[in-house]
N, C-alpha and C. Protein backbone atom coordinates (compact mmCIF):
# COMPACT_ATOMS: atom_id res chain seq x y z
N UNK A 1 -59.99 -23.70 3.05
CA UNK A 1 -58.60 -24.07 2.21
C UNK A 1 -58.39 -22.36 1.64
N UNK A 2 -59.42 -21.89 1.20
CA UNK A 2 -59.60 -20.12 1.02
C UNK A 2 -58.74 -19.42 2.07
N UNK A 3 -59.22 -19.44 3.40
CA UNK A 3 -58.84 -19.04 4.24
C UNK A 3 -57.83 -18.74 4.84
N UNK A 4 -56.68 -20.77 5.05
CA UNK A 4 -55.40 -20.40 5.29
C UNK A 4 -54.46 -19.68 3.73
N UNK A 5 -55.19 -19.70 2.90
CA UNK A 5 -54.67 -19.42 1.65
C UNK A 5 -54.03 -17.73 2.12
N UNK A 6 -55.24 -17.01 2.13
CA UNK A 6 -55.43 -15.81 2.31
C UNK A 6 -54.59 -15.42 3.45
N UNK A 7 -54.50 -16.33 4.95
CA UNK A 7 -53.60 -15.56 5.71
C UNK A 7 -52.23 -16.18 5.10
N UNK A 8 -51.72 -16.82 4.47
CA UNK A 8 -50.57 -17.05 4.13
C UNK A 8 -49.80 -15.94 3.23
N UNK A 9 -50.74 -15.14 2.19
CA UNK A 9 -50.68 -13.91 1.27
C UNK A 9 -50.59 -12.58 2.39
N UNK A 10 -51.13 -13.15 3.29
CA UNK A 10 -51.27 -11.47 4.11
C UNK A 10 -49.66 -11.60 4.75
N UNK A 11 -49.55 -12.97 5.19
CA UNK A 11 -48.27 -12.87 5.82
C UNK A 11 -46.98 -12.72 4.96
N UNK A 12 -47.04 -13.49 3.98
CA UNK A 12 -45.63 -13.20 2.90
C UNK A 12 -46.23 -11.40 2.82
N UNK A 13 -47.12 -10.86 2.57
CA UNK A 13 -47.24 -9.14 2.17
C UNK A 13 -46.48 -8.10 3.50
N UNK A 14 -46.80 -8.60 4.42
CA UNK A 14 -46.77 -8.17 6.02
C UNK A 14 -45.23 -8.66 5.78
N UNK A 15 -44.09 -9.83 6.03
CA UNK A 15 -43.12 -9.86 5.73
C UNK A 15 -42.47 -9.03 4.40
N UNK A 16 -43.10 -8.98 3.34
CA UNK A 16 -42.28 -8.04 2.12
C UNK A 16 -41.91 -7.67 2.52
N UNK A 17 -43.00 -6.01 3.33
CA UNK A 17 -42.81 -5.19 3.40
C UNK A 17 -41.90 -4.80 4.45
N UNK A 18 -41.80 -5.57 5.51
CA UNK A 18 -40.91 -5.46 7.01
C UNK A 18 -39.40 -5.83 6.61
N UNK A 19 -39.31 -6.52 5.74
CA UNK A 19 -37.89 -6.85 5.17
C UNK A 19 -36.83 -6.11 4.91
N UNK A 20 -37.56 -5.35 3.84
CA UNK A 20 -36.46 -4.43 3.52
C UNK A 20 -36.09 -2.82 4.79
N UNK A 21 -37.43 -2.80 4.95
CA UNK A 21 -37.24 -1.95 6.51
C UNK A 21 -36.10 -2.44 6.89
N UNK A 22 -35.63 -3.38 7.89
CA UNK A 22 -35.36 -4.28 8.96
C UNK A 22 -33.68 -4.43 8.26
N UNK A 23 -33.62 -4.01 6.53
CA UNK A 23 -32.26 -4.58 6.14
C UNK A 23 -31.68 -2.91 6.17
N UNK A 24 -32.53 -1.66 5.54
CA UNK A 24 -32.45 -0.74 5.78
C UNK A 24 -31.48 0.03 7.16
N UNK A 25 -32.35 -0.61 8.10
CA UNK A 25 -31.66 -0.05 9.73
C UNK A 25 -30.59 -1.09 9.77
N UNK A 26 -30.38 -2.31 9.23
CA UNK A 26 -28.97 -3.19 9.55
C UNK A 26 -27.93 -1.75 9.52
N UNK A 27 -26.57 -2.24 10.29
CA UNK A 27 -25.73 -1.59 10.16
C UNK A 27 -24.78 -2.31 8.98
N UNK A 28 -23.50 -1.63 8.04
CA UNK A 28 -23.20 -1.56 7.29
C UNK A 28 -22.26 -2.61 7.21
N UNK A 29 -21.92 -3.69 6.75
CA UNK A 29 -20.69 -4.47 7.02
C UNK A 29 -19.36 -4.07 6.60
N UNK A 30 -18.18 -3.52 7.21
CA UNK A 30 -16.77 -3.28 7.01
C UNK A 30 -16.46 -3.71 5.99
N UNK A 31 -16.14 -2.42 5.07
CA UNK A 31 -15.78 -3.05 3.74
C UNK A 31 -14.27 -2.52 3.59
N UNK A 32 -13.14 -3.79 4.00
CA UNK A 32 -11.75 -3.82 3.93
C UNK A 32 -11.10 -2.92 2.75
N UNK A 33 -11.79 -3.58 1.37
CA UNK A 33 -11.55 -3.46 0.47
C UNK A 33 -11.43 -1.82 0.48
N UNK A 34 -12.26 -0.97 0.61
CA UNK A 34 -12.62 0.25 0.17
C UNK A 34 -11.41 0.88 1.49
N UNK A 35 -11.93 0.31 2.14
CA UNK A 35 -10.54 0.94 3.64
C UNK A 35 -9.26 0.78 2.93
N UNK A 36 -9.01 0.24 2.52
CA UNK A 36 -7.40 -0.45 2.23
C UNK A 36 -7.05 0.85 1.43
N UNK A 37 -7.67 0.89 0.56
CA UNK A 37 -7.35 1.49 -0.77
C UNK A 37 -7.66 3.24 -0.20
N UNK A 38 -9.11 3.80 0.72
CA UNK A 38 -8.93 4.54 1.28
C UNK A 38 -7.33 5.25 2.29
N UNK A 39 -7.28 4.20 3.39
CA UNK A 39 -6.45 4.34 4.38
C UNK A 39 -4.44 3.80 4.19
N UNK A 40 -4.47 3.41 3.00
CA UNK A 40 -2.99 2.93 2.38
C UNK A 40 -2.60 3.32 0.97
N UNK A 41 -3.67 3.90 0.24
CA UNK A 41 -3.28 3.91 -1.47
C UNK A 41 -4.05 5.00 -0.95
N UNK A 42 -3.84 5.74 -0.71
CA UNK A 42 -4.47 7.33 -1.06
C UNK A 42 -3.13 8.22 -1.02
N UNK A 43 -2.80 8.95 -2.23
CA UNK A 43 -0.93 9.06 -1.84
C UNK A 43 -1.77 10.73 -1.54
N UNK A 44 -2.59 11.50 -1.77
CA UNK A 44 -2.91 13.17 -1.22
C UNK A 44 -2.42 12.50 0.38
N UNK A 45 -2.86 11.60 0.98
CA UNK A 45 -2.03 11.26 2.82
C UNK A 45 -0.42 10.73 2.47
N UNK A 46 0.51 10.77 1.75
CA UNK A 46 1.87 10.33 1.75
C UNK A 46 2.03 11.70 2.51
N UNK A 47 2.02 13.01 2.37
CA UNK A 47 2.73 13.95 2.88
C UNK A 47 2.20 14.80 3.68
N UNK A 48 2.38 14.43 5.13
CA UNK A 48 1.23 14.65 6.31
C UNK A 48 1.45 16.75 6.26
N UNK A 49 2.65 16.90 6.04
CA UNK A 49 3.43 18.31 6.44
C UNK A 49 2.06 19.04 4.96
N UNK A 50 2.35 18.53 4.19
CA UNK A 50 1.18 19.55 3.55
C UNK A 50 0.08 18.53 2.50
N UNK A 51 -1.37 19.21 2.27
CA UNK A 51 -2.46 18.04 2.28
C UNK A 51 -2.35 17.93 0.67
N UNK A 52 -2.08 18.73 -0.47
CA UNK A 52 -1.73 18.17 -1.96
C UNK A 52 -0.64 17.75 -1.88
N UNK A 53 -0.39 16.86 -2.88
CA UNK A 53 1.12 16.62 -3.68
C UNK A 53 0.90 17.40 -4.91
N UNK A 54 1.88 17.20 -5.68
CA UNK A 54 1.98 18.07 -6.84
C UNK A 54 1.63 17.31 -8.02
N UNK A 55 1.65 15.83 -7.55
CA UNK A 55 0.83 14.54 -8.60
C UNK A 55 1.05 13.68 -7.98
N UNK A 56 -0.21 12.75 -8.44
CA UNK A 56 -1.11 11.81 -7.61
C UNK A 56 -1.14 10.87 -8.92
N UNK A 57 -0.50 9.71 -8.62
CA UNK A 57 -0.95 8.13 -8.73
C UNK A 57 -1.93 7.41 -8.12
N UNK A 58 -2.50 6.17 -8.86
CA UNK A 58 -3.21 4.80 -7.80
C UNK A 58 -3.15 4.07 -9.18
N UNK A 59 -2.61 3.30 -8.95
CA UNK A 59 -3.08 2.11 -10.17
C UNK A 59 -3.66 0.64 -9.27
N UNK A 60 -4.73 0.50 -9.60
CA UNK A 60 -5.60 -0.29 -8.92
C UNK A 60 -5.64 -1.83 -9.78
N UNK A 61 -4.77 -2.34 -10.29
CA UNK A 61 -4.96 -3.38 -11.00
C UNK A 61 -5.81 -3.25 -12.42
N UNK A 62 -5.86 -2.98 -13.22
CA UNK A 62 -6.59 -2.95 -14.42
C UNK A 62 -7.99 -1.66 -14.01
N UNK A 63 -9.04 -2.62 -14.09
CA UNK A 63 -10.01 -2.09 -13.51
C UNK A 63 -10.90 -2.79 -12.70
N UNK A 64 -10.06 -3.60 -11.80
CA UNK A 64 -10.40 -4.22 -11.13
C UNK A 64 -11.02 -4.16 -9.18
N UNK A 65 -9.76 -2.62 -9.04
CA UNK A 65 -10.04 -1.75 -7.74
C UNK A 65 -8.97 -2.82 -7.12
N UNK A 66 -7.41 -3.83 -7.15
CA UNK A 66 -6.56 -4.35 -6.65
C UNK A 66 -5.59 -3.27 -6.07
N UNK A 67 -5.60 -2.96 -5.11
CA UNK A 67 -4.84 -2.02 -4.83
C UNK A 67 -3.44 -1.84 -5.08
N UNK A 68 -2.61 -1.91 -6.27
CA UNK A 68 -1.18 -2.78 -6.43
C UNK A 68 -0.18 -1.71 -6.21
N UNK A 69 -0.33 0.04 -6.20
CA UNK A 69 0.43 0.36 -5.94
C UNK A 69 -0.36 2.35 -5.89
N UNK A 70 0.51 3.08 -5.12
CA UNK A 70 0.34 4.51 -5.04
C UNK A 70 1.41 5.44 -4.62
N UNK A 71 1.60 6.56 -5.54
CA UNK A 71 2.81 7.27 -5.62
C UNK A 71 2.07 8.85 -5.57
N UNK A 72 2.97 9.57 -4.39
CA UNK A 72 2.78 10.75 -4.66
C UNK A 72 4.07 11.66 -5.19
N UNK A 73 3.83 12.74 -5.53
CA UNK A 73 5.29 13.54 -5.77
C UNK A 73 4.71 15.01 -5.67
N UNK A 74 5.78 15.49 -4.76
CA UNK A 74 5.85 16.97 -3.98
C UNK A 74 7.30 17.91 -4.42
N UNK A 75 7.26 18.81 -4.43
CA UNK A 75 8.37 19.65 -4.06
C UNK A 75 8.60 20.22 -2.94
N UNK A 76 9.95 20.13 -2.68
CA UNK A 76 10.73 20.84 -1.57
C UNK A 76 10.72 19.91 -0.84
N UNK A 77 10.73 20.58 0.47
CA UNK A 77 11.30 19.74 2.30
C UNK A 77 9.76 19.03 2.48
N UNK A 78 10.55 17.89 3.44
CA UNK A 78 9.93 17.41 4.29
C UNK A 78 9.91 17.87 5.98
N UNK A 79 9.44 17.59 6.50
CA UNK A 79 9.10 17.47 8.23
C UNK A 79 10.37 16.96 8.82
N UNK A 80 10.55 15.81 7.89
CA UNK A 80 12.28 15.05 8.24
C UNK A 80 13.36 15.74 7.94
N UNK A 81 13.31 16.88 7.36
CA UNK A 81 14.52 17.68 6.68
C UNK A 81 14.84 18.73 7.81
N UNK A 82 15.82 18.32 8.64
CA UNK A 82 16.55 19.46 9.46
C UNK A 82 17.53 19.74 9.98
N UNK A 83 17.83 20.95 9.90
CA UNK A 83 19.47 21.39 10.13
C UNK A 83 19.71 22.24 8.77
N UNK A 84 20.74 21.01 8.23
CA UNK A 84 21.54 21.41 7.43
C UNK A 84 20.69 21.34 6.00
N UNK A 85 20.07 20.19 6.43
CA UNK A 85 19.36 19.52 5.05
C UNK A 85 18.24 20.15 4.78
N UNK A 86 17.87 21.81 5.65
CA UNK A 86 16.54 22.36 5.33
C UNK A 86 17.08 23.32 4.42
N UNK A 87 18.81 23.76 4.07
CA UNK A 87 19.43 24.58 3.47
C UNK A 87 19.01 24.24 1.99
N UNK A 88 19.22 23.14 1.23
CA UNK A 88 19.23 22.81 0.34
C UNK A 88 18.06 21.71 -0.38
N UNK A 89 17.08 21.64 0.32
CA UNK A 89 15.60 20.74 0.10
C UNK A 89 14.71 21.10 -0.62
N UNK A 90 14.79 22.56 -1.00
CA UNK A 90 13.76 23.54 -1.55
C UNK A 90 13.63 22.77 -2.82
N UNK A 91 14.58 22.16 -3.70
CA UNK A 91 14.35 22.47 -4.99
C UNK A 91 14.32 20.44 -5.74
N UNK A 92 14.21 20.06 -4.19
CA UNK A 92 14.06 18.41 -4.63
C UNK A 92 12.75 17.78 -5.12
N UNK A 93 12.31 17.06 -5.91
CA UNK A 93 11.05 16.38 -5.95
C UNK A 93 10.87 15.15 -5.69
N UNK A 94 10.56 15.31 -4.59
CA UNK A 94 10.29 13.88 -3.54
C UNK A 94 8.89 13.20 -4.28
N UNK A 95 9.57 11.89 -4.65
CA UNK A 95 8.28 10.79 -4.79
C UNK A 95 8.07 9.79 -3.55
N UNK A 96 6.84 10.05 -3.56
CA UNK A 96 6.54 8.69 -2.15
C UNK A 96 5.77 7.35 -2.57
N UNK A 97 5.60 6.04 -2.74
CA UNK A 97 5.53 5.22 -3.33
C UNK A 97 4.86 4.23 -2.32
N UNK A 98 3.56 3.51 -2.33
CA UNK A 98 3.73 2.34 -1.26
C UNK A 98 3.37 1.22 -2.37
N UNK A 99 3.43 -0.02 -2.26
CA UNK A 99 3.38 -0.90 -3.05
C UNK A 99 2.63 -2.32 -2.45
N UNK A 100 1.79 -3.15 -2.90
CA UNK A 100 1.46 -4.55 -1.95
C UNK A 100 2.58 -5.29 -2.46
N UNK A 101 2.77 -6.00 -1.38
CA UNK A 101 4.12 -6.90 -1.32
C UNK A 101 3.71 -8.08 -2.33
N UNK A 102 4.99 -8.59 -2.79
CA UNK A 102 4.79 -9.69 -3.55
C UNK A 102 6.38 -10.72 -4.00
N UNK A 103 6.60 -11.21 -3.85
CA UNK A 103 7.85 -11.99 -3.54
C UNK A 103 7.83 -12.48 -5.28
N UNK A 104 9.54 -11.82 -5.86
CA UNK A 104 9.70 -12.16 -7.40
C UNK A 104 8.81 -11.10 -7.88
N UNK A 105 8.77 -11.68 -9.34
CA UNK A 105 7.66 -11.10 -10.44
C UNK A 105 6.47 -11.41 -10.38
N UNK A 106 5.42 -11.01 -10.40
CA UNK A 106 3.90 -11.41 -10.40
C UNK A 106 3.71 -11.02 -11.80
N UNK A 107 2.69 -12.48 -12.09
CA UNK A 107 2.22 -12.73 -13.54
C UNK A 107 1.76 -11.55 -14.00
N UNK A 108 0.84 -10.83 -13.56
CA UNK A 108 0.38 -9.83 -13.69
C UNK A 108 0.60 -8.76 -12.63
N UNK A 109 0.35 -7.60 -12.73
CA UNK A 109 0.69 -6.49 -11.68
C UNK A 109 -0.67 -6.68 -10.93
N UNK A 110 -1.85 -6.80 -11.05
CA UNK A 110 -2.87 -6.82 -10.12
C UNK A 110 -2.92 -7.81 -9.24
N UNK A 111 -2.24 -8.90 -9.07
CA UNK A 111 -1.72 -9.99 -7.91
C UNK A 111 -1.34 -9.41 -7.09
N UNK A 112 -0.57 -8.53 -7.19
CA UNK A 112 -0.15 -7.96 -5.79
C UNK A 112 -1.20 -8.00 -4.92
N UNK A 113 -1.99 -6.46 -5.76
CA UNK A 113 -2.96 -6.48 -4.47
C UNK A 113 -4.40 -7.60 -4.30
N UNK A 114 -4.88 -8.67 -5.09
CA UNK A 114 -5.28 -9.89 -4.91
C UNK A 114 -4.65 -10.69 -3.94
N UNK A 115 -3.69 -10.39 -3.74
CA UNK A 115 -2.67 -11.28 -2.47
C UNK A 115 -2.66 -10.31 -1.09
N UNK A 116 -2.76 -9.19 -1.56
CA UNK A 116 -3.14 -8.12 -0.35
C UNK A 116 -4.57 -8.48 0.42
N UNK A 117 -5.45 -8.72 -0.53
CA UNK A 117 -6.49 -8.49 0.09
C UNK A 117 -7.19 -9.64 0.52
N UNK A 118 -6.68 -11.04 0.25
CA UNK A 118 -6.19 -12.57 0.09
C UNK A 118 -5.87 -12.74 1.75
N UNK A 119 -5.31 -12.35 1.91
CA UNK A 119 -4.19 -12.03 3.21
C UNK A 119 -5.10 -11.40 4.45
N UNK A 120 -5.47 -10.44 4.18
CA UNK A 120 -6.30 -9.43 5.32
C UNK A 120 -8.33 -10.10 5.30
N UNK A 121 -8.13 -10.89 4.28
CA UNK A 121 -9.75 -11.68 4.45
C UNK A 121 -9.44 -13.07 5.32
N UNK A 122 -8.27 -13.45 5.73
CA UNK A 122 -8.03 -14.33 6.53
C UNK A 122 -8.39 -14.28 7.55
N UNK A 123 -8.44 -12.70 8.21
CA UNK A 123 -9.17 -12.43 9.74
C UNK A 123 -9.67 -11.44 8.87
N UNK A 124 -10.93 -10.95 8.91
CA UNK A 124 -11.06 -9.66 8.16
C UNK A 124 -11.15 -8.58 9.38
N UNK A 125 -10.69 -7.43 9.33
CA UNK A 125 -11.37 -6.45 10.20
C UNK A 125 -12.67 -6.08 10.43
N UNK A 126 -13.04 -5.54 11.37
CA UNK A 126 -14.03 -4.83 11.87
C UNK A 126 -13.98 -3.55 11.57
N UNK A 127 -12.92 -2.71 11.87
CA UNK A 127 -12.47 -1.86 12.05
C UNK A 127 -11.44 -0.73 11.43
N UNK A 128 -11.01 0.36 11.12
CA UNK A 128 -10.18 0.49 10.79
C UNK A 128 -8.85 0.50 11.07
N UNK A 129 -9.00 0.59 12.94
CA UNK A 129 -7.72 0.14 13.87
C UNK A 129 -7.31 -1.06 13.64
N UNK A 130 -8.26 -2.30 13.31
CA UNK A 130 -7.78 -3.68 12.74
C UNK A 130 -7.55 -3.38 11.71
N UNK A 131 -7.76 -2.70 10.79
CA UNK A 131 -6.66 -2.84 9.27
C UNK A 131 -5.81 -2.41 9.44
N UNK A 132 -5.83 -1.38 9.97
CA UNK A 132 -4.53 -0.62 10.42
C UNK A 132 -3.16 -1.51 10.73
N UNK A 133 -3.61 -2.15 11.88
CA UNK A 133 -2.41 -3.44 12.48
C UNK A 133 -2.36 -4.40 11.79
N UNK A 134 -3.57 -4.88 10.58
CA UNK A 134 -3.22 -5.70 9.81
C UNK A 134 -2.00 -5.52 8.41
N UNK A 135 -2.76 -4.11 8.15
CA UNK A 135 -1.67 -3.49 6.66
C UNK A 135 -0.27 -3.29 7.28
N UNK A 136 0.38 -2.89 8.75
CA UNK A 136 1.10 -3.08 9.18
C UNK A 136 2.31 -4.29 9.33
N UNK A 137 1.45 -5.45 9.85
CA UNK A 137 2.14 -6.76 9.24
C UNK A 137 2.04 -7.05 7.88
N UNK A 138 1.63 -6.86 6.61
CA UNK A 138 1.54 -7.02 5.53
C UNK A 138 2.42 -7.62 4.89
N UNK A 139 3.66 -6.20 5.00
CA UNK A 139 4.48 -5.99 4.28
C UNK A 139 4.95 -5.18 3.55
N UNK A 140 3.96 -4.42 3.42
CA UNK A 140 3.46 -3.22 2.32
C UNK A 140 5.38 -2.27 2.19
N UNK A 141 5.62 -2.38 0.94
CA UNK A 141 6.80 -1.56 0.60
C UNK A 141 6.26 -0.23 0.66
N UNK A 142 7.40 0.33 1.13
CA UNK A 142 7.54 2.04 0.98
C UNK A 142 8.46 2.59 0.59
N UNK A 143 8.67 3.16 -0.51
CA UNK A 143 9.72 3.46 -1.02
C UNK A 143 9.61 5.07 -1.31
N UNK A 144 10.64 5.94 -1.15
CA UNK A 144 11.15 7.21 -1.40
C UNK A 144 12.40 7.54 -2.09
N UNK A 145 12.30 8.43 -2.82
CA UNK A 145 13.56 8.97 -3.82
C UNK A 145 12.81 10.40 -4.02
N UNK A 146 14.43 10.92 -4.27
CA UNK A 146 14.32 12.43 -5.12
C UNK A 146 14.51 11.48 -6.79
N UNK A 147 13.25 12.72 -7.58
CA UNK A 147 13.31 12.74 -8.66
C UNK A 147 14.44 12.84 -9.25
N UNK A 148 15.02 14.03 -9.11
CA UNK A 148 15.98 14.90 -9.43
C UNK A 148 17.03 14.09 -9.72
N UNK A 149 17.61 13.60 -8.74
CA UNK A 149 18.39 12.54 -9.02
C UNK A 149 18.71 11.49 -9.86
N UNK A 150 17.53 11.24 -10.78
CA UNK A 150 17.31 10.07 -11.36
C UNK A 150 17.25 10.76 -12.58
N UNK A 151 18.30 10.81 -13.83
CA UNK A 151 18.07 11.33 -14.85
C UNK A 151 16.95 10.45 -15.88
N UNK A 152 17.04 9.36 -15.94
CA UNK A 152 15.78 9.04 -16.24
C UNK A 152 14.73 9.29 -16.32
N UNK A 153 14.11 9.69 -14.63
CA UNK A 153 12.64 10.03 -14.31
C UNK A 153 12.70 11.29 -14.77
N UNK A 154 13.77 12.50 -14.97
CA UNK A 154 13.30 13.83 -15.24
C UNK A 154 13.54 13.97 -16.60
N UNK A 155 13.88 12.54 -17.25
CA UNK A 155 13.76 12.56 -18.80
C UNK A 155 12.25 12.20 -19.25
N UNK A 156 11.55 11.39 -18.71
CA UNK A 156 10.04 11.05 -18.59
C UNK A 156 9.26 12.56 -18.49
N UNK A 157 9.83 13.13 -17.35
CA UNK A 157 8.85 13.99 -16.62
C UNK A 157 8.96 15.14 -17.61
N UNK A 158 9.73 15.40 -18.36
CA UNK A 158 10.21 16.56 -19.37
C UNK A 158 9.15 16.12 -20.82
N UNK A 159 8.61 14.88 -20.74
CA UNK A 159 7.83 14.51 -21.98
C UNK A 159 6.38 14.57 -21.33
N UNK A 160 6.16 15.40 -20.05
CA UNK A 160 4.76 15.79 -19.50
C UNK A 160 3.64 16.12 -20.76
N UNK A 161 3.94 16.69 -21.51
CA UNK A 161 2.83 16.90 -22.55
C UNK A 161 1.92 15.93 -23.51
N UNK A 162 3.04 15.23 -23.60
CA UNK A 162 2.79 13.91 -24.49
C UNK A 162 2.26 12.69 -23.55
N UNK A 163 1.61 12.71 -21.67
CA UNK A 163 1.33 11.66 -21.43
C UNK A 163 0.02 11.92 -21.77
N UNK A 164 -0.35 10.25 -21.27
CA UNK A 164 -1.64 10.02 -22.00
C UNK A 164 -2.90 9.91 -20.56
N UNK A 165 -2.68 10.78 -19.82
CA UNK A 165 -3.95 10.40 -18.11
C UNK A 165 -4.17 11.88 -18.28
N UNK A 166 -5.17 11.74 -17.30
CA UNK A 166 -5.95 13.12 -17.09
C UNK A 166 -4.99 14.38 -16.10
N UNK A 167 -5.17 15.43 -16.20
CA UNK A 167 -4.67 16.29 -15.66
C UNK A 167 -4.65 16.56 -14.09
N UNK A 168 -3.42 16.83 -14.12
CA UNK A 168 -3.26 16.76 -12.08
C UNK A 168 -4.18 17.88 -11.26
N UNK A 169 -4.72 18.82 -12.47
CA UNK A 169 -5.57 20.03 -12.10
C UNK A 169 -6.48 19.75 -12.95
N UNK A 170 -7.71 19.90 -11.99
CA UNK A 170 -9.67 20.07 -12.80
C UNK A 170 -9.27 21.44 -13.07
N UNK A 171 -10.49 21.87 -13.61
CA UNK A 171 -10.70 23.09 -13.81
C UNK A 171 -10.98 24.03 -12.68
N UNK A 172 -11.61 23.21 -11.45
CA UNK A 172 -11.52 24.12 -9.99
C UNK A 172 -9.98 24.52 -9.18
N UNK A 173 -9.52 24.20 -10.58
CA UNK A 173 -7.81 24.12 -9.52
C UNK A 173 -7.51 23.33 -8.39
N UNK A 174 -8.35 22.18 -8.05
CA UNK A 174 -8.26 21.33 -7.19
C UNK A 174 -7.21 20.31 -7.63
N UNK A 175 -6.83 19.11 -7.14
CA UNK A 175 -6.37 18.07 -7.20
C UNK A 175 -7.02 17.30 -8.11
N UNK A 176 -7.37 16.73 -9.24
CA UNK A 176 -7.74 15.53 -9.37
C UNK A 176 -7.15 14.50 -9.71
N UNK A 177 -7.67 13.27 -9.41
CA UNK A 177 -7.24 12.35 -9.22
C UNK A 177 -6.11 11.64 -10.66
N UNK A 178 -4.96 10.75 -10.68
CA UNK A 178 -4.65 10.47 -11.61
C UNK A 178 -4.45 8.82 -11.81
N UNK A 179 -5.24 8.52 -12.06
CA UNK A 179 -5.36 6.89 -12.46
C UNK A 179 -4.55 6.29 -13.58
N UNK A 180 -4.17 5.42 -13.65
CA UNK A 180 -3.02 5.09 -14.66
C UNK A 180 -3.72 3.61 -14.98
N UNK A 181 -4.53 3.84 -15.66
CA UNK A 181 -4.81 1.94 -15.82
C UNK A 181 -4.33 1.21 -17.09
N UNK A 182 -3.37 0.40 -16.84
CA UNK A 182 -2.65 -0.64 -17.51
C UNK A 182 -3.47 -2.40 -18.22
N UNK A 183 -3.37 -2.46 -19.15
CA UNK A 183 -4.18 -3.57 -19.32
C UNK A 183 -3.26 -5.29 -19.19
N UNK A 184 -2.54 -4.67 -18.58
CA UNK A 184 -1.54 -5.80 -18.74
C UNK A 184 -1.62 -7.13 -19.73
N UNK A 185 -1.49 -6.81 -20.79
CA UNK A 185 -1.53 -7.32 -21.51
C UNK A 185 -0.49 -8.60 -22.22
N UNK A 186 0.76 -8.56 -21.32
CA UNK A 186 1.53 -9.58 -21.32
C UNK A 186 1.41 -10.76 -21.15
């Protein structure tokens, strides 16, 4: 009996040491949630002609990490401005936004991101290419506006020193992410 017990303990010790090693060598599962936030909801990617927008905002549904919307704002012309448009585009403030789809008004903002993740989870992708194909079919809302043509937006921007979120530039003069967190207290 003692010999069998010793053999069982030895086997357990060997397996206990081998299992963590095998887990370390196993490939990591594709994290479609993290990759969705990086590929579709990273505002730094919204203006390919220039690497850094003047302002970037990501709203991730309270602190749950659900991609609700992302906005990037930059001044000046874009690659789409050709010919005569190039003469007047320098003073524009272009805002680009991507938003998770939702029909009607969601009960809470984060429901947009929850539904997007639920849709993707129905056939979970295993690569960025597969995820991008799913996102193309997801009905993401892409919006663009010239902020200077909206008096309400310009009035809000004029109150910039009163806004309560982190500075757009950090101490190294590099673009710092601006995360707007709303408690959805409705």
